[in-house]
Amino acid sequence: MNHFAFRDFAPKQNRPSGFFQSAEHDNLMEAVQQANLWVAAHQVRVVNIETVVIPSPDWQPFIRVWYEFEERSTVNSEIVEDKLA
């Protein structure tokens, strides 16, 4: 049986926000590269990729990869562990 799941890839934060300055992050393309490496390493079937922005003081976008996997896949156990952590 196949299942759907997602994994998020956010740009690395280089400097936290301060009283008069916003946080500083890597470029969004760094997150895209992280996603590409993860997909290649886990050989999942990508269903959709989206840019997500959650309202916050920094409005920092991140990449969400939706994928499909088989119930008995080795990716499945790793994903469950990632979501529980």
PDB file of N, CA and C in Angstrom:
ATOM      1  N   MET A   1       0.843  -1.177   0.000  1.00  0.00           N
ATOM      2  CA  MET A   1       0.000   0.000   0.000  1.00  0.00           C
ATOM      3  C   MET A   1       0.895   1.249   0.000  1.00  0.00           C
ATOM      4  N   ASN A   2       0.536   2.225  -0.792  1.00  0.00           N
ATOM      5  CA  ASN A   2       1.315   3.457  -0.867  1.00  0.00           C
ATOM      6  C   ASN A   2       0.755   4.519   0.073  1.00  0.00           C
ATOM      7  N   HIS A   3       1.660   5.346   0.571  1.00  0.00           N
ATOM      8  CA  HIS A   3       1.288   6.423   1.487  1.00  0.00           C
ATOM      9  C   HIS A   3       1.909   7.729   0.999  1.00  0.00           C
ATOM     10  N   PHE A   4       1.323   8.821   1.431  1.00  0.00           N
ATOM     11  CA  PHE A   4       1.872  10.144   1.125  1.00  0.00           C
ATOM     12  C   PHE A   4       2.431  10.754   2.399  1.00  0.00           C
ATOM     13  N   ALA A   5       3.500  11.510   2.248  1.00  0.00           N
ATOM     14  CA  ALA A   5       4.110  12.215   3.380  1.00  0.00           C
ATOM     15  C   ALA A   5       4.816  13.442   2.828  1.00  0.00           C
ATOM     16  N   PHE A   6       5.334  14.248   3.739  1.00  0.00           N
ATOM     17  CA  PHE A   6       6.097  15.409   3.296  1.00  0.00           C
ATOM     18  C   PHE A   6       7.303  15.596   4.179  1.00  0.00           C
ATOM     19  N   ARG A   7       8.253  16.340   3.649  1.00  0.00           N
ATOM     20  CA  ARG A   7       9.458  16.706   4.401  1.00  0.00           C
ATOM     21  C   ARG A   7       9.767  18.157   4.083  1.00  0.00           C
ATOM     22  N   ASP A   8      10.085  18.923   5.119  1.00  0.00           N
ATOM     23  CA  ASP A   8      10.378  20.347   4.963  1.00  0.00           C
ATOM     24  C   ASP A   8      11.886  20.595   4.968  1.00  0.00           C
ATOM     25  N   PHE A   9      12.283  21.577   4.154  1.00  0.00           N
ATOM     26  CA  PHE A   9      13.684  21.978   4.050  1.00  0.00           C
ATOM     27  C   PHE A   9      13.741  23.493   4.187  1.00  0.00           C
ATOM     28  N   ALA A  10      14.315  23.949   5.272  1.00  0.00           N
ATOM     29  CA  ALA A  10      14.386  25.391   5.543  1.00  0.00           C
ATOM     30  C   ALA A  10      15.819  25.888   5.374  1.00  0.00           C
ATOM     31  N   PRO A  11      15.961  27.119   4.894  1.00  0.00           N
ATOM     32  CA  PRO A  11      17.306  27.703   4.839  1.00  0.00           C
ATOM     33  C   PRO A  11      17.895  27.806   6.246  1.00  0.00           C
ATOM     34  N   LYS A  12      19.172  27.572   6.352  1.00  0.00           N
ATOM     35  CA  LYS A  12      19.866  27.650   7.647  1.00  0.00           C
ATOM     36  C   LYS A  12      19.829  29.085   8.170  1.00  0.00           C
ATOM     37  N   GLN A  13      19.547  29.213   9.467  1.00  0.00           N
ATOM     38  CA  GLN A  13      19.558  30.530  10.100  1.00  0.00           C
ATOM     39  C   GLN A  13      20.987  30.861  10.517  1.00  0.00           C
ATOM     40  N   ASN A  14      21.507  31.960  10.001  1.00  0.00           N
ATOM     41  CA  ASN A  14      22.878  32.378  10.312  1.00  0.00           C
ATOM     42  C   ASN A  14      22.953  33.321  11.500  1.00  0.00           C
ATOM     43  N   ARG A  15      21.885  34.079  11.718  1.00  0.00           N
ATOM     44  CA  ARG A  15      21.854  35.023  12.839  1.00  0.00           C
ATOM     45  C   ARG A  15      20.408  35.133  13.312  1.00  0.00           C
ATOM     46  N   PRO A  16      20.171  34.961  14.612  1.00  0.00           N
ATOM     47  CA  PRO A  16      18.807  35.095  15.114  1.00  0.00           C
ATOM     48  C   PRO A  16      18.359  36.559  15.086  1.00  0.00           C
ATOM     49  N   SER A  17      17.063  36.739  15.146  1.00  0.00           N
ATOM     50  CA  SER A  17      16.555  38.111  15.161  1.00  0.00           C
ATOM     51  C   SER A  17      16.897  38.769  16.495  1.00  0.00           C
ATOM     52  N   GLY A  18      17.084  40.058  16.433  1.00  0.00           N
ATOM     53  CA  GLY A  18      17.380  40.840  17.622  1.00  0.00           C
ATOM     54  C   GLY A  18      16.303  41.887  17.831  1.00  0.00           C
ATOM     55  N   PHE A  19      16.530  42.780  18.748  1.00  0.00           N
ATOM     56  CA  PHE A  19      15.529  43.793  19.076  1.00  0.00           C
ATOM     57  C   PHE A  19      15.247  44.699  17.881  1.00  0.00           C
ATOM     58  N   PHE A  20      16.279  45.104  17.149  1.00  0.00           N
ATOM     59  CA  PHE A  20      16.088  46.004  16.011  1.00  0.00           C
ATOM     60  C   PHE A  20      16.510  45.397  14.674  1.00  0.00           C
ATOM     61  N   GLN A  21      16.708  44.088  14.613  1.00  0.00           N
ATOM     62  CA  GLN A  21      17.107  43.485  13.346  1.00  0.00           C
ATOM     63  C   GLN A  21      16.444  42.123  13.164  1.00  0.00           C
ATOM     64  N   SER A  22      16.152  41.811  11.901  1.00  0.00           N
ATOM     65  CA  SER A  22      15.556  40.512  11.603  1.00  0.00           C
ATOM     66  C   SER A  22      16.628  39.439  11.530  1.00  0.00           C
ATOM     67  N   ALA A  23      16.158  38.211  11.584  1.00  0.00           N
ATOM     68  CA  ALA A  23      17.072  37.079  11.479  1.00  0.00           C
ATOM     69  C   ALA A  23      17.678  37.047  10.079  1.00  0.00           C
ATOM     70  N   GLU A  24      18.855  36.454   9.993  1.00  0.00           N
ATOM     71  CA  GLU A  24      19.525  36.309   8.697  1.00  0.00           C
ATOM     72  C   GLU A  24      19.600  34.822   8.366  1.00  0.00           C
ATOM     73  N   HIS A  25      19.158  34.477   7.137  1.00  0.00           N
ATOM     74  CA  HIS A  25      19.127  33.084   6.689  1.00  0.00           C
ATOM     75  C   HIS A  25      19.905  32.926   5.398  1.00  0.00           C
ATOM     76  N   ASP A  26      20.288  31.676   5.120  1.00  0.00           N
ATOM     77  CA  ASP A  26      20.849  31.350   3.813  1.00  0.00           C
ATOM     78  C   ASP A  26      19.790  31.605   2.746  1.00  0.00           C
ATOM     79  N   ASN A  27      20.212  31.612   1.504  1.00  0.00           N
ATOM     80  CA  ASN A  27      19.326  31.763   0.370  1.00  0.00           C
ATOM     81  C   ASN A  27      18.390  30.559   0.278  1.00  0.00           C
ATOM     82  N   LEU A  28      17.185  30.756  -0.229  1.00  0.00           N
ATOM     83  CA  LEU A  28      16.215  29.671  -0.373  1.00  0.00           C
ATOM     84  C   LEU A  28      16.743  28.560  -1.285  1.00  0.00           C
ATOM     85  N   MET A  29      17.619  28.894  -2.220  1.00  0.00           N
ATOM     86  CA  MET A  29      18.183  27.886  -3.108  1.00  0.00           C
ATOM     87  C   MET A  29      18.997  26.837  -2.337  1.00  0.00           C
ATOM     88  N   GLU A  30      19.531  27.197  -1.175  1.00  0.00           N
ATOM     89  CA  GLU A  30      20.234  26.217  -0.334  1.00  0.00           C
ATOM     90  C   GLU A  30      19.253  25.136   0.117  1.00  0.00           C
ATOM     91  N   ALA A  31      18.046  25.534   0.467  1.00  0.00           N
ATOM     92  CA  ALA A  31      17.021  24.571   0.875  1.00  0.00           C
ATOM     93  C   ALA A  31      16.604  23.695  -0.300  1.00  0.00           C
ATOM     94  N   VAL A  32      16.534  24.271  -1.496  1.00  0.00           N
ATOM     95  CA  VAL A  32      16.213  23.496  -2.698  1.00  0.00           C
ATOM     96  C   VAL A  32      17.296  22.445  -2.934  1.00  0.00           C
ATOM     97  N   GLN A  33      18.540  22.816  -2.769  1.00  0.00           N
ATOM     98  CA  GLN A  33      19.638  21.859  -2.942  1.00  0.00           C
ATOM     99  C   GLN A  33      19.571  20.741  -1.896  1.00  0.00           C
ATOM    100  N   GLN A  34      19.229  21.090  -0.654  1.00  0.00           N
ATOM    101  CA  GLN A  34      19.059  20.075   0.391  1.00  0.00           C
ATOM    102  C   GLN A  34      17.956  19.095  -0.003  1.00  0.00           C
ATOM    103  N   ALA A  35      16.864  19.628  -0.521  1.00  0.00           N
ATOM    104  CA  ALA A  35      15.740  18.787  -0.943  1.00  0.00           C
ATOM    105  C   ALA A  35      16.165  17.858  -2.077  1.00  0.00           C
ATOM    106  N   ASN A  36      16.884  18.379  -3.054  1.00  0.00           N
ATOM    107  CA  ASN A  36      17.351  17.558  -4.171  1.00  0.00           C
ATOM    108  C   ASN A  36      18.234  16.413  -3.684  1.00  0.00           C
ATOM    109  N   LEU A  37      19.141  16.697  -2.772  1.00  0.00           N
ATOM    110  CA  LEU A  37      20.029  15.663  -2.241  1.00  0.00           C
ATOM    111  C   LEU A  37      19.245  14.598  -1.482  1.00  0.00           C
ATOM    112  N   TRP A  38      18.264  15.026  -0.692  1.00  0.00           N
ATOM    113  CA  TRP A  38      17.460  14.079   0.083  1.00  0.00           C
ATOM    114  C   TRP A  38      16.648  13.175  -0.842  1.00  0.00           C
ATOM    115  N   VAL A  39      16.017  13.759  -1.865  1.00  0.00           N
ATOM    116  CA  VAL A  39      15.224  12.970  -2.813  1.00  0.00           C
ATOM    117  C   VAL A  39      16.108  11.948  -3.522  1.00  0.00           C
ATOM    118  N   ALA A  40      17.287  12.360  -3.963  1.00  0.00           N
ATOM    119  CA  ALA A  40      18.205  11.444  -4.650  1.00  0.00           C
ATOM    120  C   ALA A  40      18.666  10.325  -3.723  1.00  0.00           C
ATOM    121  N   ALA A  41      18.947  10.653  -2.477  1.00  0.00           N
ATOM    122  CA  ALA A  41      19.447   9.653  -1.528  1.00  0.00           C
ATOM    123  C   ALA A  41      18.373   8.642  -1.125  1.00  0.00           C
ATOM    124  N   HIS A  42      17.114   9.083  -1.033  1.00  0.00           N
ATOM    125  CA  HIS A  42      16.041   8.198  -0.569  1.00  0.00           C
ATOM    126  C   HIS A  42      15.209   7.609  -1.705  1.00  0.00           C
ATOM    127  N   GLN A  43      15.419   8.087  -2.907  1.00  0.00           N
ATOM    128  CA  GLN A  43      14.734   7.574  -4.098  1.00  0.00           C
ATOM    129  C   GLN A  43      13.226   7.452  -3.909  1.00  0.00           C
ATOM    130  N   VAL A  44      12.620   8.507  -3.393  1.00  0.00           N
ATOM    131  CA  VAL A  44      11.171   8.555  -3.241  1.00  0.00           C
ATOM    132  C   VAL A  44      10.552   9.115  -4.515  1.00  0.00           C
ATOM    133  N   ARG A  45       9.262   8.879  -4.698  1.00  0.00           N
ATOM    134  CA  ARG A  45       8.556   9.444  -5.843  1.00  0.00           C
ATOM    135  C   ARG A  45       7.942  10.772  -5.417  1.00  0.00           C
ATOM    136  N   VAL A  46       8.483  11.860  -5.955  1.00  0.00           N
ATOM    137  CA  VAL A  46       8.015  13.201  -5.608  1.00  0.00           C
ATOM    138  C   VAL A  46       6.666  13.454  -6.276  1.00  0.00           C
ATOM    139  N   VAL A  47       5.710  13.918  -5.490  1.00  0.00           N
ATOM    140  CA  VAL A  47       4.370  14.218  -5.988  1.00  0.00           C
ATOM    141  C   VAL A  47       4.232  15.713  -6.250  1.00  0.00           C
ATOM    142  N   ASN A  48       4.777  16.528  -5.347  1.00  0.00           N
ATOM    143  CA  ASN A  48       4.661  17.977  -5.471  1.00  0.00           C
ATOM    144  C   ASN A  48       5.753  18.644  -4.634  1.00  0.00           C
ATOM    145  N   ILE A  49       6.166  19.810  -5.076  1.00  0.00           N
ATOM    146  CA  ILE A  49       7.108  20.624  -4.311  1.00  0.00           C
ATOM    147  C   ILE A  49       6.494  22.012  -4.211  1.00  0.00           C
ATOM    148  N   GLU A  50       6.497  22.571  -3.014  1.00  0.00           N
ATOM    149  CA  GLU A  50       5.909  23.891  -2.831  1.00  0.00           C
ATOM    150  C   GLU A  50       6.775  24.763  -1.935  1.00  0.00           C
ATOM    151  N   THR A  51       6.622  26.055  -2.114  1.00  0.00           N
ATOM    152  CA  THR A  51       7.254  27.023  -1.224  1.00  0.00           C
ATOM    153  C   THR A  51       6.207  27.423  -0.202  1.00  0.00           C
ATOM    154  N   VAL A  52       6.552  27.302   1.070  1.00  0.00           N
ATOM    155  CA  VAL A  52       5.611  27.603   2.151  1.00  0.00           C
ATOM    156  C   VAL A  52       6.137  28.805   2.924  1.00  0.00           C
ATOM    157  N   VAL A  53       5.223  29.728   3.220  1.00  0.00           N
ATOM    158  CA  VAL A  53       5.568  30.878   4.052  1.00  0.00           C
ATOM    159  C   VAL A  53       4.536  30.946   5.170  1.00  0.00           C
ATOM    160  N   ILE A  54       4.993  30.829   6.399  1.00  0.00           N
ATOM    161  CA  ILE A  54       4.112  30.912   7.561  1.00  0.00           C
ATOM    162  C   ILE A  54       4.262  32.301   8.151  1.00  0.00           C
ATOM    163  N   PRO A  55       3.143  32.991   8.397  1.00  0.00           N
ATOM    164  CA  PRO A  55       3.246  34.342   8.970  1.00  0.00           C
ATOM    165  C   PRO A  55       4.035  34.329  10.290  1.00  0.00           C
ATOM    166  N   SER A  56       5.087  35.089  10.304  1.00  0.00           N
ATOM    167  CA  SER A  56       5.938  35.219  11.490  1.00  0.00           C
ATOM    168  C   SER A  56       6.682  36.544  11.359  1.00  0.00           C
ATOM    169  N   PRO A  57       7.399  36.958  12.380  1.00  0.00           N
ATOM    170  CA  PRO A  57       8.133  38.228  12.259  1.00  0.00           C
ATOM    171  C   PRO A  57       9.110  38.255  11.083  1.00  0.00           C
ATOM    172  N   ASP A  58       9.693  37.109  10.727  1.00  0.00           N
ATOM    173  CA  ASP A  58      10.682  37.085   9.639  1.00  0.00           C
ATOM    174  C   ASP A  58      10.101  36.655   8.298  1.00  0.00           C
ATOM    175  N   TRP A  59       8.925  36.027   8.276  1.00  0.00           N
ATOM    176  CA  TRP A  59       8.294  35.555   7.050  1.00  0.00           C
ATOM    177  C   TRP A  59       9.269  34.747   6.209  1.00  0.00           C
ATOM    178  N   GLN A  60       9.995  33.839   6.840  1.00  0.00           N
ATOM    179  CA  GLN A  60      11.014  33.054   6.154  1.00  0.00           C
ATOM    180  C   GLN A  60      10.383  31.882   5.393  1.00  0.00           C
ATOM    181  N   PRO A  61      10.505  31.840   4.067  1.00  0.00           N
ATOM    182  CA  PRO A  61       9.945  30.720   3.310  1.00  0.00           C
ATOM    183  C   PRO A  61      10.789  29.457   3.458  1.00  0.00           C
ATOM    184  N   PHE A  62      10.142  28.318   3.238  1.00  0.00           N
ATOM    185  CA  PHE A  62      10.865  27.051   3.204  1.00  0.00           C
ATOM    186  C   PHE A  62      10.259  26.172   2.111  1.00  0.00           C
ATOM    187  N   ILE A  63      10.932  25.089   1.791  1.00  0.00           N
ATOM    188  CA  ILE A  63      10.516  24.176   0.735  1.00  0.00           C
ATOM    189  C   ILE A  63       9.866  22.957   1.375  1.00  0.00           C
ATOM    190  N   ARG A  64       8.706  22.552   0.852  1.00  0.00           N
ATOM    191  CA  ARG A  64       8.033  21.326   1.301  1.00  0.00           C
ATOM    192  C   ARG A  64       7.957  20.368   0.115  1.00  0.00           C
ATOM    193  N   VAL A  65       8.459  19.161   0.327  1.00  0.00           N
ATOM    194  CA  VAL A  65       8.431  18.118  -0.701  1.00  0.00           C
ATOM    195  C   VAL A  65       7.398  17.073  -0.287  1.00  0.00           C
ATOM    196  N   TRP A  66       6.355  16.926  -1.106  1.00  0.00           N
ATOM    197  CA  TRP A  66       5.360  15.874  -0.913  1.00  0.00           C
ATOM    198  C   TRP A  66       5.801  14.677  -1.735  1.00  0.00           C
ATOM    199  N   TYR A  67       5.758  13.484  -1.148  1.00  0.00           N
ATOM    200  CA  TYR A  67       6.213  12.296  -1.851  1.00  0.00           C
ATOM    201  C   TYR A  67       5.355  11.099  -1.477  1.00  0.00           C
ATOM    202  N   GLU A  68       5.507  10.059  -2.287  1.00  0.00           N
ATOM    203  CA  GLU A  68       4.778   8.815  -2.084  1.00  0.00           C
ATOM    204  C   GLU A  68       5.782   7.717  -1.768  1.00  0.00           C
ATOM    205  N   PHE A  69       5.413   6.821  -0.865  1.00  0.00           N
ATOM    206  CA  PHE A  69       6.290   5.702  -0.537  1.00  0.00           C
ATOM    207  C   PHE A  69       5.444   4.476  -0.226  1.00  0.00           C
ATOM    208  N   GLU A  70       6.061   3.316  -0.366  1.00  0.00           N
ATOM    209  CA  GLU A  70       5.377   2.070  -0.044  1.00  0.00           C
ATOM    210  C   GLU A  70       5.453   1.816   1.447  1.00  0.00           C
ATOM    211  N   GLU A  71       4.449   1.167   1.968  1.00  0.00           N
ATOM    212  CA  GLU A  71       4.342   0.936   3.410  1.00  0.00           C
ATOM    213  C   GLU A  71       5.570   0.244   3.995  1.00  0.00           C
ATOM    214  N   ARG A  72       6.157  -0.685   3.293  1.00  0.00           N
ATOM    215  CA  ARG A  72       7.299  -1.446   3.816  1.00  0.00           C
ATOM    216  C   ARG A  72       8.640  -0.877   3.373  1.00  0.00           C
ATOM    217  N   SER A  73       8.645   0.337   2.908  1.00  0.00           N
ATOM    218  CA  SER A  73       9.870   0.969   2.429  1.00  0.00           C
ATOM    219  C   SER A  73      10.807   1.286   3.590  1.00  0.00           C
ATOM    220  N   THR A  74      12.118   1.275   3.326  1.00  0.00           N
ATOM    221  CA  THR A  74      13.074   1.680   4.355  1.00  0.00           C
ATOM    222  C   THR A  74      12.946   3.168   4.644  1.00  0.00           C
ATOM    223  N   VAL A  75      12.461   3.937   3.653  1.00  0.00           N
ATOM    224  CA  VAL A  75      12.243   5.365   3.877  1.00  0.00           C
ATOM    225  C   VAL A  75      11.160   5.557   4.914  1.00  0.00           C
ATOM    226  N   ASN A  76      10.152   4.671   4.915  1.00  0.00           N
ATOM    227  CA  ASN A  76       9.022   4.801   5.815  1.00  0.00           C
ATOM    228  C   ASN A  76       9.465   4.866   7.274  1.00  0.00           C
ATOM    229  N   SER A  77      10.317   3.947   7.715  1.00  0.00           N
ATOM    230  CA  SER A  77      10.727   3.938   9.117  1.00  0.00           C
ATOM    231  C   SER A  77      11.517   5.188   9.467  1.00  0.00           C
ATOM    232  N   GLU A  78      12.339   5.668   8.523  1.00  0.00           N
ATOM    233  CA  GLU A  78      13.105   6.881   8.772  1.00  0.00           C
ATOM    234  C   GLU A  78      12.177   8.087   8.880  1.00  0.00           C
ATOM    235  N   ILE A  79      11.161   8.138   8.018  1.00  0.00           N
ATOM    236  CA  ILE A  79      10.224   9.258   8.033  1.00  0.00           C
ATOM    237  C   ILE A  79       9.459   9.284   9.337  1.00  0.00           C
ATOM    238  N   VAL A  80       8.984   8.134   9.774  1.00  0.00           N
ATOM    239  CA  VAL A  80       8.240   8.091  11.031  1.00  0.00           C
ATOM    240  C   VAL A  80       9.117   8.569  12.177  1.00  0.00           C
ATOM    241  N   GLU A  81      10.375   8.164  12.185  1.00  0.00           N
ATOM    242  CA  GLU A  81      11.286   8.611  13.231  1.00  0.00           C
ATOM    243  C   GLU A  81      11.495  10.123  13.150  1.00  0.00           C
ATOM    244  N   ASP A  82      11.624  10.681  11.924  1.00  0.00           N
ATOM    245  CA  ASP A  82      11.783  12.119  11.758  1.00  0.00           C
ATOM    246  C   ASP A  82      10.577  12.873  12.303  1.00  0.00           C
ATOM    247  N   LYS A  83       9.375  12.379  12.033  1.00  0.00           N
ATOM    248  CA  LYS A  83       8.163  13.080  12.456  1.00  0.00           C
ATOM    249  C   LYS A  83       7.960  12.990  13.971  1.00  0.00           C
ATOM    250  N   LEU A  84       8.424  11.917  14.586  1.00  0.00           N
ATOM    251  CA  LEU A  84       8.267  11.757  16.031  1.00  0.00           C
ATOM    252  C   LEU A  84       9.319  12.540  16.807  1.00  0.00           C
ATOM    253  N   ALA A  85      10.422  12.846  16.170  1.00  0.00           N
ATOM    254  CA  ALA A  85      11.522  13.552  16.859  1.00  0.00           C
ATOM    255  C   ALA A  85      11.198  15.008  17.074  1.00  0.00           C
TER     256      ALA A  85
END
